[in-house]
Amino acid sequence: MVRRARGEAGAATAELALGIPLLVALTAGLVWMLAVGAAQVRVIDASREAARVVARGDDVAAAEAVALRIAPDGARVRVALGDAQVVVTTSARVRGPGGLLGALPGVTVTSDAVATVEDS
């Protein structure tokens, strides 16, 4: 028969009670990092597609509409059209997760895309 000392009787329960919130916070942080990565991919795609739209001869308003449709909500699109090339910059703010990690600041993801203007 194995006997435990009185001080060790609830040690496993206490360790588990301390460990679960830490694991939940870690999981929320990892999910937030995935959301930031997905937002970055959407911003890159939005810049690239908008640059293609302007480069093939469509107007800037159409390019901005395409970029805003692809980018995350609240994104900003800036189109700079030169003689030979177009530069589109798209940026969006990704907010931190709520709950325990709600105090974390958001992250701004940004992407630039450059395309050569096609001759008409």
PDB file of N, CA and C in Angstrom:
ATOM      1  N   MET A   1       0.829  -1.173   0.000  1.00  0.00           N
ATOM      2  CA  MET A   1       0.000   0.000   0.000  1.00  0.00           C
ATOM      3  C   MET A   1       0.884   1.251   0.000  1.00  0.00           C
ATOM      4  N   VAL A   2       0.590   2.171  -0.937  1.00  0.00           N
ATOM      5  CA  VAL A   2       1.374   3.393  -1.069  1.00  0.00           C
ATOM      6  C   VAL A   2       0.658   4.517  -0.335  1.00  0.00           C
ATOM      7  N   ARG A   3       1.398   5.182   0.511  1.00  0.00           N
ATOM      8  CA  ARG A   3       0.818   6.298   1.262  1.00  0.00           C
ATOM      9  C   ARG A   3       1.517   7.579   0.829  1.00  0.00           C
ATOM     10  N   ARG A   4       0.742   8.600   0.637  1.00  0.00           N
ATOM     11  CA  ARG A   4       1.292   9.912   0.280  1.00  0.00           C
ATOM     12  C   ARG A   4       1.302  10.804   1.507  1.00  0.00           C
ATOM     13  N   ALA A   5       2.220  11.713   1.478  1.00  0.00           N
ATOM     14  CA  ALA A   5       2.250  12.702   2.552  1.00  0.00           C
ATOM     15  C   ALA A   5       1.063  13.639   2.360  1.00  0.00           C
ATOM     16  N   ARG A   6       0.579  14.210   3.431  1.00  0.00           N
ATOM     17  CA  ARG A   6      -0.610  15.074   3.353  1.00  0.00           C
ATOM     18  C   ARG A   6      -0.405  16.278   2.443  1.00  0.00           C
ATOM     19  N   GLY A   7       0.786  16.821   2.351  1.00  0.00           N
ATOM     20  CA  GLY A   7       1.039  18.018   1.551  1.00  0.00           C
ATOM     21  C   GLY A   7       0.964  17.781   0.052  1.00  0.00           C
ATOM     22  N   GLU A   8       1.082  16.553  -0.395  1.00  0.00           N
ATOM     23  CA  GLU A   8       1.101  16.255  -1.828  1.00  0.00           C
ATOM     24  C   GLU A   8      -0.259  15.827  -2.370  1.00  0.00           C
ATOM     25  N   ALA A   9      -1.261  15.748  -1.568  1.00  0.00           N
ATOM     26  CA  ALA A   9      -2.555  15.207  -1.977  1.00  0.00           C
ATOM     27  C   ALA A   9      -3.207  16.002  -3.110  1.00  0.00           C
ATOM     28  N   GLY A  10      -3.142  17.325  -3.106  1.00  0.00           N
ATOM     29  CA  GLY A  10      -3.793  18.130  -4.142  1.00  0.00           C
ATOM     30  C   GLY A  10      -2.824  18.757  -5.113  1.00  0.00           C
ATOM     31  N   ALA A  11      -1.578  18.315  -5.130  1.00  0.00           N
ATOM     32  CA  ALA A  11      -0.554  18.932  -5.982  1.00  0.00           C
ATOM     33  C   ALA A  11      -0.895  18.790  -7.464  1.00  0.00           C
ATOM     34  N   ALA A  12      -1.344  17.636  -7.869  1.00  0.00           N
ATOM     35  CA  ALA A  12      -1.657  17.434  -9.293  1.00  0.00           C
ATOM     36  C   ALA A  12      -2.824  18.316  -9.721  1.00  0.00           C
ATOM     37  N   THR A  13      -3.823  18.448  -8.876  1.00  0.00           N
ATOM     38  CA  THR A  13      -4.971  19.299  -9.196  1.00  0.00           C
ATOM     39  C   THR A  13      -4.556  20.759  -9.288  1.00  0.00           C
ATOM     40  N   ALA A  14      -3.699  21.200  -8.378  1.00  0.00           N
ATOM     41  CA  ALA A  14      -3.231  22.587  -8.402  1.00  0.00           C
ATOM     42  C   ALA A  14      -2.398  22.865  -9.651  1.00  0.00           C
ATOM     43  N   GLU A  15      -1.542  21.937 -10.023  1.00  0.00           N
ATOM     44  CA  GLU A  15      -0.725  22.110 -11.227  1.00  0.00           C
ATOM     45  C   GLU A  15      -1.608  22.167 -12.470  1.00  0.00           C
ATOM     46  N   LEU A  16      -2.601  21.332 -12.524  1.00  0.00           N
ATOM     47  CA  LEU A  16      -3.519  21.334 -13.652  1.00  0.00           C
ATOM     48  C   LEU A  16      -4.311  22.637 -13.714  1.00  0.00           C
ATOM     49  N   ALA A  17      -4.735  23.124 -12.566  1.00  0.00           N
ATOM     50  CA  ALA A  17      -5.493  24.370 -12.515  1.00  0.00           C
ATOM     51  C   ALA A  17      -4.646  25.559 -12.968  1.00  0.00           C
ATOM     52  N   LEU A  18      -3.368  25.526 -12.718  1.00  0.00           N
ATOM     53  CA  LEU A  18      -2.474  26.594 -13.171  1.00  0.00           C
ATOM     54  C   LEU A  18      -2.088  26.425 -14.643  1.00  0.00           C
ATOM     55  N   GLY A  19      -2.025  25.214 -15.101  1.00  0.00           N
ATOM     56  CA  GLY A  19      -1.580  24.955 -16.467  1.00  0.00           C
ATOM     57  C   GLY A  19      -2.628  25.190 -17.532  1.00  0.00           C
ATOM     58  N   ILE A  20      -3.892  24.967 -17.244  1.00  0.00           N
ATOM     59  CA  ILE A  20      -4.950  25.100 -18.246  1.00  0.00           C
ATOM     60  C   ILE A  20      -5.065  26.536 -18.779  1.00  0.00           C
ATOM     61  N   PRO A  21      -5.088  27.573 -17.935  1.00  0.00           N
ATOM     62  CA  PRO A  21      -5.148  28.936 -18.490  1.00  0.00           C
ATOM     63  C   PRO A  21      -3.944  29.270 -19.373  1.00  0.00           C
ATOM     64  N   LEU A  22      -2.788  28.757 -18.995  1.00  0.00           N
ATOM     65  CA  LEU A  22      -1.597  28.986 -19.809  1.00  0.00           C
ATOM     66  C   LEU A  22      -1.752  28.336 -21.185  1.00  0.00           C
ATOM     67  N   LEU A  23      -2.259  27.136 -21.229  1.00  0.00           N
ATOM     68  CA  LEU A  23      -2.471  26.453 -22.505  1.00  0.00           C
ATOM     69  C   LEU A  23      -3.537  27.152 -23.353  1.00  0.00           C
ATOM     70  N   VAL A  24      -4.575  27.658 -22.715  1.00  0.00           N
ATOM     71  CA  VAL A  24      -5.614  28.400 -23.441  1.00  0.00           C
ATOM     72  C   VAL A  24      -5.029  29.681 -24.033  1.00  0.00           C
ATOM     73  N   ALA A  25      -4.221  30.404 -23.259  1.00  0.00           N
ATOM     74  CA  ALA A  25      -3.595  31.636 -23.754  1.00  0.00           C
ATOM     75  C   ALA A  25      -2.635  31.331 -24.895  1.00  0.00           C
ATOM     76  N   LEU A  26      -1.870  30.270 -24.785  1.00  0.00           N
ATOM     77  CA  LEU A  26      -0.951  29.872 -25.851  1.00  0.00           C
ATOM     78  C   LEU A  26      -1.711  29.517 -27.123  1.00  0.00           C
ATOM     79  N   THR A  27      -2.798  28.797 -26.993  1.00  0.00           N
ATOM     80  CA  THR A  27      -3.617  28.433 -28.157  1.00  0.00           C
ATOM     81  C   THR A  27      -4.216  29.674 -28.812  1.00  0.00           C
ATOM     82  N   ALA A  28      -4.713  30.604 -28.006  1.00  0.00           N
ATOM     83  CA  ALA A  28      -5.270  31.848 -28.560  1.00  0.00           C
ATOM     84  C   ALA A  28      -4.196  32.639 -29.288  1.00  0.00           C
ATOM     85  N   GLY A  29      -2.992  32.679 -28.745  1.00  0.00           N
ATOM     86  CA  GLY A  29      -1.887  33.373 -29.402  1.00  0.00           C
ATOM     87  C   GLY A  29      -1.528  32.743 -30.734  1.00  0.00           C
ATOM     88  N   LEU A  30      -1.508  31.430 -30.784  1.00  0.00           N
ATOM     89  CA  LEU A  30      -1.203  30.742 -32.042  1.00  0.00           C
ATOM     90  C   LEU A  30      -2.286  30.971 -33.092  1.00  0.00           C
ATOM     91  N   VAL A  31      -3.536  30.961 -32.662  1.00  0.00           N
ATOM     92  CA  VAL A  31      -4.635  31.237 -33.599  1.00  0.00           C
ATOM     93  C   VAL A  31      -4.530  32.660 -34.131  1.00  0.00           C
ATOM     94  N   TRP A  32      -4.161  33.595 -33.261  1.00  0.00           N
ATOM     95  CA  TRP A  32      -3.991  34.986 -33.693  1.00  0.00           C
ATOM     96  C   TRP A  32      -2.859  35.105 -34.702  1.00  0.00           C
ATOM     97  N   MET A  33      -1.764  34.381 -34.491  1.00  0.00           N
ATOM     98  CA  MET A  33      -0.660  34.407 -35.448  1.00  0.00           C
ATOM     99  C   MET A  33      -1.110  33.867 -36.803  1.00  0.00           C
ATOM    100  N   LEU A  34      -1.944  32.843 -36.795  1.00  0.00           N
ATOM    101  CA  LEU A  34      -2.487  32.320 -38.051  1.00  0.00           C
ATOM    102  C   LEU A  34      -3.371  33.368 -38.740  1.00  0.00           C
ATOM    103  N   ALA A  35      -4.149  34.108 -37.956  1.00  0.00           N
ATOM    104  CA  ALA A  35      -4.999  35.157 -38.527  1.00  0.00           C
ATOM    105  C   ALA A  35      -4.155  36.267 -39.142  1.00  0.00           C
ATOM    106  N   VAL A  36      -3.056  36.612 -38.507  1.00  0.00           N
ATOM    107  CA  VAL A  36      -2.148  37.631 -39.065  1.00  0.00           C
ATOM    108  C   VAL A  36      -1.550  37.129 -40.377  1.00  0.00           C
ATOM    109  N   GLY A  37      -1.137  35.875 -40.413  1.00  0.00           N
ATOM    110  CA  GLY A  37      -0.585  35.302 -41.647  1.00  0.00           C
ATOM    111  C   GLY A  37      -1.603  35.275 -42.771  1.00  0.00           C
ATOM    112  N   ALA A  38      -2.832  34.921 -42.463  1.00  0.00           N
ATOM    113  CA  ALA A  38      -3.886  34.905 -43.488  1.00  0.00           C
ATOM    114  C   ALA A  38      -4.176  36.312 -43.986  1.00  0.00           C
ATOM    115  N   ALA A  39      -4.180  37.297 -43.084  1.00  0.00           N
ATOM    116  CA  ALA A  39      -4.410  38.683 -43.489  1.00  0.00           C
ATOM    117  C   ALA A  39      -3.275  39.175 -44.383  1.00  0.00           C
ATOM    118  N   GLN A  40      -2.038  38.768 -44.085  1.00  0.00           N
ATOM    119  CA  GLN A  40      -0.899  39.171 -44.922  1.00  0.00           C
ATOM    120  C   GLN A  40      -1.046  38.612 -46.336  1.00  0.00           C
ATOM    121  N   VAL A  41      -1.461  37.372 -46.441  1.00  0.00           N
ATOM    122  CA  VAL A  41      -1.654  36.768 -47.772  1.00  0.00           C
ATOM    123  C   VAL A  41      -2.751  37.516 -48.535  1.00  0.00           C
ATOM    124  N   ARG A  42      -3.840  37.864 -47.869  1.00  0.00           N
ATOM    125  CA  ARG A  42      -4.930  38.594 -48.530  1.00  0.00           C
ATOM    126  C   ARG A  42      -4.486  39.979 -48.982  1.00  0.00           C
ATOM    127  N   VAL A  43      -3.646  40.644 -48.187  1.00  0.00           N
ATOM    128  CA  VAL A  43      -3.154  41.975 -48.549  1.00  0.00           C
ATOM    129  C   VAL A  43      -2.214  41.878 -49.761  1.00  0.00           C
ATOM    130  N   ILE A  44      -1.374  40.857 -49.793  1.00  0.00           N
ATOM    131  CA  ILE A  44      -0.485  40.649 -50.940  1.00  0.00           C
ATOM    132  C   ILE A  44      -1.308  40.415 -52.196  1.00  0.00           C
ATOM    133  N   ASP A  45      -2.302  39.552 -52.118  1.00  0.00           N
ATOM    134  CA  ASP A  45      -3.155  39.269 -53.272  1.00  0.00           C
ATOM    135  C   ASP A  45      -3.900  40.516 -53.732  1.00  0.00           C
ATOM    136  N   ALA A  46      -4.390  41.308 -52.793  1.00  0.00           N
ATOM    137  CA  ALA A  46      -5.133  42.521 -53.136  1.00  0.00           C
ATOM    138  C   ALA A  46      -4.247  43.514 -53.880  1.00  0.00           C
ATOM    139  N   SER A  47      -3.027  43.712 -53.407  1.00  0.00           N
ATOM    140  CA  SER A  47      -2.105  44.633 -54.084  1.00  0.00           C
ATOM    141  C   SER A  47      -1.768  44.143 -55.482  1.00  0.00           C
ATOM    142  N   ARG A  48      -1.483  42.869 -55.596  1.00  0.00           N
ATOM    143  CA  ARG A  48      -1.104  42.310 -56.896  1.00  0.00           C
ATOM    144  C   ARG A  48      -2.240  42.418 -57.915  1.00  0.00           C
ATOM    145  N   GLU A  49      -3.444  42.063 -57.512  1.00  0.00           N
ATOM    146  CA  GLU A  49      -4.577  42.124 -58.443  1.00  0.00           C
ATOM    147  C   GLU A  49      -4.906  43.555 -58.843  1.00  0.00           C
ATOM    148  N   ALA A  50      -4.838  44.485 -57.899  1.00  0.00           N
ATOM    149  CA  ALA A  50      -5.112  45.888 -58.216  1.00  0.00           C
ATOM    150  C   ALA A  50      -4.070  46.440 -59.172  1.00  0.00           C
ATOM    151  N   ALA A  51      -2.813  46.063 -58.979  1.00  0.00           N
ATOM    152  CA  ALA A  51      -1.759  46.521 -59.897  1.00  0.00           C
ATOM    153  C   ALA A  51      -1.996  45.975 -61.303  1.00  0.00           C
ATOM    154  N   ARG A  52      -2.435  44.742 -61.415  1.00  0.00           N
ATOM    155  CA  ARG A  52      -2.741  44.164 -62.734  1.00  0.00           C
ATOM    156  C   ARG A  52      -3.894  44.906 -63.418  1.00  0.00           C
ATOM    157  N   VAL A  53      -4.915  45.251 -62.635  1.00  0.00           N
ATOM    158  CA  VAL A  53      -6.078  45.939 -63.198  1.00  0.00           C
ATOM    159  C   VAL A  53      -5.663  47.275 -63.800  1.00  0.00           C
ATOM    160  N   VAL A  54      -4.867  48.049 -63.071  1.00  0.00           N
ATOM    161  CA  VAL A  54      -4.435  49.355 -63.575  1.00  0.00           C
ATOM    162  C   VAL A  54      -3.459  49.182 -64.730  1.00  0.00           C
ATOM    163  N   ALA A  55      -2.570  48.206 -64.648  1.00  0.00           N
ATOM    164  CA  ALA A  55      -1.560  48.003 -65.696  1.00  0.00           C
ATOM    165  C   ALA A  55      -2.183  47.643 -67.035  1.00  0.00           C
ATOM    166  N   ARG A  56      -3.301  46.967 -67.017  1.00  0.00           N
ATOM    167  CA  ARG A  56      -3.927  46.596 -68.299  1.00  0.00           C
ATOM    168  C   ARG A  56      -4.826  47.691 -68.858  1.00  0.00           C
ATOM    169  N   GLY A  57      -4.958  48.811 -68.126  1.00  0.00           N
ATOM    170  CA  GLY A  57      -5.660  49.963 -68.690  1.00  0.00           C
ATOM    171  C   GLY A  57      -6.957  50.346 -68.016  1.00  0.00           C
ATOM    172  N   ASP A  58      -7.403  49.614 -67.009  1.00  0.00           N
ATOM    173  CA  ASP A  58      -8.630  49.991 -66.303  1.00  0.00           C
ATOM    174  C   ASP A  58      -8.362  51.184 -65.389  1.00  0.00           C
ATOM    175  N   ASP A  59      -9.430  51.807 -64.919  1.00  0.00           N
ATOM    176  CA  ASP A  59      -9.242  52.998 -64.090  1.00  0.00           C
ATOM    177  C   ASP A  59      -8.881  52.639 -62.645  1.00  0.00           C
ATOM    178  N   VAL A  60      -8.401  53.639 -61.922  1.00  0.00           N
ATOM    179  CA  VAL A  60      -7.924  53.463 -60.550  1.00  0.00           C
ATOM    180  C   VAL A  60      -9.063  53.058 -59.615  1.00  0.00           C
ATOM    181  N   ALA A  61     -10.249  53.599 -59.828  1.00  0.00           N
ATOM    182  CA  ALA A  61     -11.387  53.260 -58.972  1.00  0.00           C
ATOM    183  C   ALA A  61     -11.721  51.769 -59.059  1.00  0.00           C
ATOM    184  N   ALA A  62     -11.638  51.205 -60.259  1.00  0.00           N
ATOM    185  CA  ALA A  62     -11.887  49.768 -60.419  1.00  0.00           C
ATOM    186  C   ALA A  62     -10.825  48.948 -59.699  1.00  0.00           C
ATOM    187  N   ALA A  63      -9.588  49.404 -59.772  1.00  0.00           N
ATOM    188  CA  ALA A  63      -8.500  48.695 -59.093  1.00  0.00           C
ATOM    189  C   ALA A  63      -8.682  48.744 -57.580  1.00  0.00           C
ATOM    190  N   GLU A  64      -9.067  49.900 -57.062  1.00  0.00           N
ATOM    191  CA  GLU A  64      -9.296  50.011 -55.621  1.00  0.00           C
ATOM    192  C   GLU A  64     -10.455  49.121 -55.179  1.00  0.00           C
ATOM    193  N   ALA A  65     -11.495  49.042 -56.001  1.00  0.00           N
ATOM    194  CA  ALA A  65     -12.629  48.180 -55.670  1.00  0.00           C
ATOM    195  C   ALA A  65     -12.210  46.714 -55.627  1.00  0.00           C
ATOM    196  N   VAL A  66     -11.372  46.295 -56.567  1.00  0.00           N
ATOM    197  CA  VAL A  66     -10.881  44.913 -56.580  1.00  0.00           C
ATOM    198  C   VAL A  66     -10.055  44.642 -55.329  1.00  0.00           C
ATOM    199  N   ALA A  67      -9.161  45.573 -54.993  1.00  0.00           N
ATOM    200  CA  ALA A  67      -8.304  45.383 -53.820  1.00  0.00           C
ATOM    201  C   ALA A  67      -9.120  45.318 -52.539  1.00  0.00           C
ATOM    202  N   LEU A  68     -10.106  46.184 -52.399  1.00  0.00           N
ATOM    203  CA  LEU A  68     -10.919  46.194 -51.185  1.00  0.00           C
ATOM    204  C   LEU A  68     -11.784  44.951 -51.059  1.00  0.00           C
ATOM    205  N   ARG A  69     -12.150  44.357 -52.195  1.00  0.00           N
ATOM    206  CA  ARG A  69     -12.932  43.127 -52.166  1.00  0.00           C
ATOM    207  C   ARG A  69     -12.078  41.946 -51.687  1.00  0.00           C
ATOM    208  N   ILE A  70     -10.787  41.957 -52.023  1.00  0.00           N
ATOM    209  CA  ILE A  70      -9.899  40.853 -51.661  1.00  0.00           C
ATOM    210  C   ILE A  70      -9.307  41.033 -50.264  1.00  0.00           C
ATOM    211  N   ALA A  71      -8.966  42.251 -49.909  1.00  0.00           N
ATOM    212  CA  ALA A  71      -8.264  42.539 -48.651  1.00  0.00           C
ATOM    213  C   ALA A  71      -9.183  42.350 -47.444  1.00  0.00           C
ATOM    214  N   PRO A  72      -8.598  42.248 -46.254  1.00  0.00           N
ATOM    215  CA  PRO A  72      -9.416  42.156 -45.028  1.00  0.00           C
ATOM    216  C   PRO A  72     -10.243  43.423 -44.823  1.00  0.00           C
ATOM    217  N   ASP A  73     -11.278  43.333 -44.020  1.00  0.00           N
ATOM    218  CA  ASP A  73     -12.134  44.483 -43.726  1.00  0.00           C
ATOM    219  C   ASP A  73     -11.320  45.624 -43.128  1.00  0.00           C
ATOM    220  N   GLY A  74     -11.650  46.835 -43.554  1.00  0.00           N
ATOM    221  CA  GLY A  74     -10.966  48.015 -43.037  1.00  0.00           C
ATOM    222  C   GLY A  74      -9.640  48.303 -43.701  1.00  0.00           C
ATOM    223  N   ALA A  75      -9.329  47.639 -44.784  1.00  0.00           N
ATOM    224  CA  ALA A  75      -8.048  47.844 -45.465  1.00  0.00           C
ATOM    225  C   ALA A  75      -8.012  49.198 -46.163  1.00  0.00           C
ATOM    226  N   ARG A  76      -6.790  49.685 -46.363  1.00  0.00           N
ATOM    227  CA  ARG A  76      -6.575  50.926 -47.109  1.00  0.00           C
ATOM    228  C   ARG A  76      -5.756  50.598 -48.347  1.00  0.00           C
ATOM    229  N   VAL A  77      -6.137  51.218 -49.467  1.00  0.00           N
ATOM    230  CA  VAL A  77      -5.464  50.969 -50.736  1.00  0.00           C
ATOM    231  C   VAL A  77      -4.988  52.309 -51.289  1.00  0.00           C
ATOM    232  N   ARG A  78      -3.728  52.340 -51.737  1.00  0.00           N
ATOM    233  CA  ARG A  78      -3.173  53.538 -52.353  1.00  0.00           C
ATOM    234  C   ARG A  78      -2.582  53.127 -53.695  1.00  0.00           C
ATOM    235  N   VAL A  79      -2.972  53.837 -54.752  1.00  0.00           N
ATOM    236  CA  VAL A  79      -2.501  53.541 -56.099  1.00  0.00           C
ATOM    237  C   VAL A  79      -1.695  54.737 -56.593  1.00  0.00           C
ATOM    238  N   ALA A  80      -0.456  54.464 -57.001  1.00  0.00           N
ATOM    239  CA  ALA A  80       0.412  55.500 -57.576  1.00  0.00           C
ATOM    240  C   ALA A  80       0.693  55.107 -59.017  1.00  0.00           C
ATOM    241  N   LEU A  81       0.178  55.889 -59.936  1.00  0.00           N
ATOM    242  CA  LEU A  81       0.312  55.579 -61.361  1.00  0.00           C
ATOM    243  C   LEU A  81       1.347  56.503 -61.984  1.00  0.00           C
ATOM    244  N   GLY A  82       2.386  55.901 -62.542  1.00  0.00           N
ATOM    245  CA  GLY A  82       3.417  56.655 -63.244  1.00  0.00           C
ATOM    246  C   GLY A  82       3.295  56.435 -64.736  1.00  0.00           C
ATOM    247  N   ASP A  83       4.301  56.914 -65.491  1.00  0.00           N
ATOM    248  CA  ASP A  83       4.271  56.749 -66.949  1.00  0.00           C
ATOM    249  C   ASP A  83       4.459  55.295 -67.364  1.00  0.00           C
ATOM    250  N   ALA A  84       5.357  54.578 -66.692  1.00  0.00           N
ATOM    251  CA  ALA A  84       5.682  53.222 -67.123  1.00  0.00           C
ATOM    252  C   ALA A  84       5.240  52.141 -66.143  1.00  0.00           C
ATOM    253  N   GLN A  85       4.924  52.526 -64.931  1.00  0.00           N
ATOM    254  CA  GLN A  85       4.560  51.498 -63.957  1.00  0.00           C
ATOM    255  C   GLN A  85       3.525  52.015 -62.964  1.00  0.00           C
ATOM    256  N   VAL A  86       2.887  51.072 -62.306  1.00  0.00           N
ATOM    257  CA  VAL A  86       1.904  51.382 -61.271  1.00  0.00           C
ATOM    258  C   VAL A  86       2.337  50.682 -59.985  1.00  0.00           C
ATOM    259  N   VAL A  87       2.203  51.395 -58.872  1.00  0.00           N
ATOM    260  CA  VAL A  87       2.534  50.835 -57.569  1.00  0.00           C
ATOM    261  C   VAL A  87       1.273  50.881 -56.707  1.00  0.00           C
ATOM    262  N   VAL A  88       0.881  49.741 -56.197  1.00  0.00           N
ATOM    263  CA  VAL A  88      -0.299  49.651 -55.329  1.00  0.00           C
ATOM    264  C   VAL A  88       0.172  49.206 -53.944  1.00  0.00           C
ATOM    265  N   THR A  89      -0.230  49.977 -52.938  1.00  0.00           N
ATOM    266  CA  THR A  89       0.088  49.649 -51.551  1.00  0.00           C
ATOM    267  C   THR A  89      -1.221  49.388 -50.817  1.00  0.00           C
ATOM    268  N   THR A  90      -1.306  48.228 -50.200  1.00  0.00           N
ATOM    269  CA  THR A  90      -2.488  47.858 -49.431  1.00  0.00           C
ATOM    270  C   THR A  90      -2.049  47.562 -48.004  1.00  0.00           C
ATOM    271  N   SER A  91      -2.803  48.076 -47.041  1.00  0.00           N
ATOM    272  CA  SER A  91      -2.492  47.790 -45.642  1.00  0.00           C
ATOM    273  C   SER A  91      -3.792  47.550 -44.883  1.00  0.00           C
ATOM    274  N   ALA A  92      -3.692  46.725 -43.854  1.00  0.00           N
ATOM    275  CA  ALA A  92      -4.852  46.402 -43.026  1.00  0.00           C
ATOM    276  C   ALA A  92      -4.383  46.162 -41.602  1.00  0.00           C
ATOM    277  N   ARG A  93      -5.240  46.462 -40.669  1.00  0.00           N
ATOM    278  CA  ARG A  93      -4.949  46.273 -39.242  1.00  0.00           C
ATOM    279  C   ARG A  93      -5.609  44.983 -38.770  1.00  0.00           C
ATOM    280  N   VAL A  94      -4.843  44.134 -38.102  1.00  0.00           N
ATOM    281  CA  VAL A  94      -5.357  42.891 -37.536  1.00  0.00           C
ATOM    282  C   VAL A  94      -5.341  43.066 -36.021  1.00  0.00           C
ATOM    283  N   ARG A  95      -6.506  43.024 -35.421  1.00  0.00           N
ATOM    284  CA  ARG A  95      -6.616  43.221 -33.974  1.00  0.00           C
ATOM    285  C   ARG A  95      -6.288  41.949 -33.217  1.00  0.00           C
ATOM    286  N   GLY A  96      -5.803  42.145 -31.997  1.00  0.00           N
ATOM    287  CA  GLY A  96      -5.481  41.009 -31.144  1.00  0.00           C
ATOM    288  C   GLY A  96      -6.734  40.273 -30.718  1.00  0.00           C
ATOM    289  N   PRO A  97      -6.571  39.036 -30.298  1.00  0.00           N
ATOM    290  CA  PRO A  97      -7.728  38.275 -29.844  1.00  0.00           C
ATOM    291  C   PRO A  97      -8.260  38.844 -28.532  1.00  0.00           C
ATOM    292  N   GLY A  98      -9.498  38.594 -28.266  1.00  0.00           N
ATOM    293  CA  GLY A  98     -10.100  39.078 -27.024  1.00  0.00           C
ATOM    294  C   GLY A  98      -9.706  38.216 -25.841  1.00  0.00           C
ATOM    295  N   GLY A  99     -10.363  38.436 -24.745  1.00  0.00           N
ATOM    296  CA  GLY A  99     -10.111  37.632 -23.555  1.00  0.00           C
ATOM    297  C   GLY A  99      -8.782  37.972 -22.916  1.00  0.00           C
ATOM    298  N   LEU A 100      -8.018  36.948 -22.591  1.00  0.00           N
ATOM    299  CA  LEU A 100      -6.745  37.140 -21.905  1.00  0.00           C
ATOM    300  C   LEU A 100      -5.752  37.953 -22.719  1.00  0.00           C
ATOM    301  N   LEU A 101      -5.799  37.821 -24.027  1.00  0.00           N
ATOM    302  CA  LEU A 101      -4.837  38.502 -24.888  1.00  0.00           C
ATOM    303  C   LEU A 101      -5.398  39.774 -25.505  1.00  0.00           C
ATOM    304  N   GLY A 102      -6.525  40.266 -24.999  1.00  0.00           N
ATOM    305  CA  GLY A 102      -7.151  41.462 -25.540  1.00  0.00           C
ATOM    306  C   GLY A 102      -6.319  42.714 -25.379  1.00  0.00           C
ATOM    307  N   ALA A 103      -5.383  42.722 -24.444  1.00  0.00           N
ATOM    308  CA  ALA A 103      -4.544  43.892 -24.219  1.00  0.00           C
ATOM    309  C   ALA A 103      -3.417  44.007 -25.240  1.00  0.00           C
ATOM    310  N   LEU A 104      -3.190  42.962 -26.001  1.00  0.00           N
ATOM    311  CA  LEU A 104      -2.131  43.013 -27.008  1.00  0.00           C
ATOM    312  C   LEU A 104      -2.490  44.016 -28.096  1.00  0.00           C
ATOM    313  N   PRO A 105      -1.501  44.764 -28.575  1.00  0.00           N
ATOM    314  CA  PRO A 105      -1.793  45.701 -29.661  1.00  0.00           C
ATOM    315  C   PRO A 105      -2.031  44.940 -30.960  1.00  0.00           C
ATOM    316  N   GLY A 106      -2.746  45.564 -31.853  1.00  0.00           N
ATOM    317  CA  GLY A 106      -2.975  44.953 -33.157  1.00  0.00           C
ATOM    318  C   GLY A 106      -1.718  45.019 -34.014  1.00  0.00           C
ATOM    319  N   VAL A 107      -1.768  44.362 -35.145  1.00  0.00           N
ATOM    320  CA  VAL A 107      -0.647  44.324 -36.080  1.00  0.00           C
ATOM    321  C   VAL A 107      -1.133  44.877 -37.415  1.00  0.00           C
ATOM    322  N   THR A 108      -0.314  45.706 -38.043  1.00  0.00           N
ATOM    323  CA  THR A 108      -0.640  46.210 -39.377  1.00  0.00           C
ATOM    324  C   THR A 108       0.161  45.420 -40.401  1.00  0.00           C
ATOM    325  N   VAL A 109      -0.538  44.822 -41.350  1.00  0.00           N
ATOM    326  CA  VAL A 109       0.117  44.099 -42.436  1.00  0.00           C
ATOM    327  C   VAL A 109       0.038  44.971 -43.683  1.00  0.00           C
ATOM    328  N   THR A 110       1.135  45.004 -44.447  1.00  0.00           N
ATOM    329  CA  THR A 110       1.235  45.879 -45.610  1.00  0.00           C
ATOM    330  C   THR A 110       1.888  45.134 -46.757  1.00  0.00           C
ATOM    331  N   SER A 111       1.497  45.488 -47.972  1.00  0.00           N
ATOM    332  CA  SER A 111       2.107  44.906 -49.157  1.00  0.00           C
ATOM    333  C   SER A 111       2.133  45.930 -50.287  1.00  0.00           C
ATOM    334  N   ASP A 112       3.218  45.914 -51.035  1.00  0.00           N
ATOM    335  CA  ASP A 112       3.351  46.738 -52.246  1.00  0.00           C
ATOM    336  C   ASP A 112       3.423  45.806 -53.448  1.00  0.00           C
ATOM    337  N   ALA A 113       2.795  46.224 -54.530  1.00  0.00           N
ATOM    338  CA  ALA A 113       2.889  45.487 -55.790  1.00  0.00           C
ATOM    339  C   ALA A 113       3.182  46.472 -56.893  1.00  0.00           C
ATOM    340  N   VAL A 114       4.097  46.090 -57.781  1.00  0.00           N
ATOM    341  CA  VAL A 114       4.491  46.954 -58.901  1.00  0.00           C
ATOM    342  C   VAL A 114       4.204  46.199 -60.192  1.00  0.00           C
ATOM    343  N   ALA A 115       3.614  46.900 -61.151  1.00  0.00           N
ATOM    344  CA  ALA A 115       3.333  46.303 -62.456  1.00  0.00           C
ATOM    345  C   ALA A 115       3.685  47.318 -63.541  1.00  0.00           C
ATOM    346  N   THR A 116       4.134  46.827 -64.664  1.00  0.00           N
ATOM    347  CA  THR A 116       4.441  47.677 -65.805  1.00  0.00           C
ATOM    348  C   THR A 116       3.155  47.950 -66.581  1.00  0.00           C
ATOM    349  N   VAL A 117       2.923  49.217 -66.906  1.00  0.00           N
ATOM    350  CA  VAL A 117       1.728  49.621 -67.641  1.00  0.00           C
ATOM    351  C   VAL A 117       1.830  49.103 -69.064  1.00  0.00           C
ATOM    352  N   GLU A 118       0.791  48.403 -69.511  1.00  0.00           N
ATOM    353  CA  GLU A 118       0.761  47.851 -70.864  1.00  0.00           C
ATOM    354  C   GLU A 118       0.413  48.930 -71.873  1.00  0.00           C
ATOM    355  N   ASP A 119       0.971  48.811 -73.071  1.00  0.00           N
ATOM    356  CA  ASP A 119       0.641  49.752 -74.139  1.00  0.00           C
ATOM    357  C   ASP A 119      -0.750  49.447 -74.696  1.00  0.00           C
ATOM    358  N   SER A 120      -1.498  50.485 -74.941  1.00  0.00           N
ATOM    359  CA  SER A 120      -2.854  50.284 -75.467  1.00  0.00           C
ATOM    360  C   SER A 120      -2.875  50.170 -76.954  1.00  0.00           C
TER     361      SER A 120
END
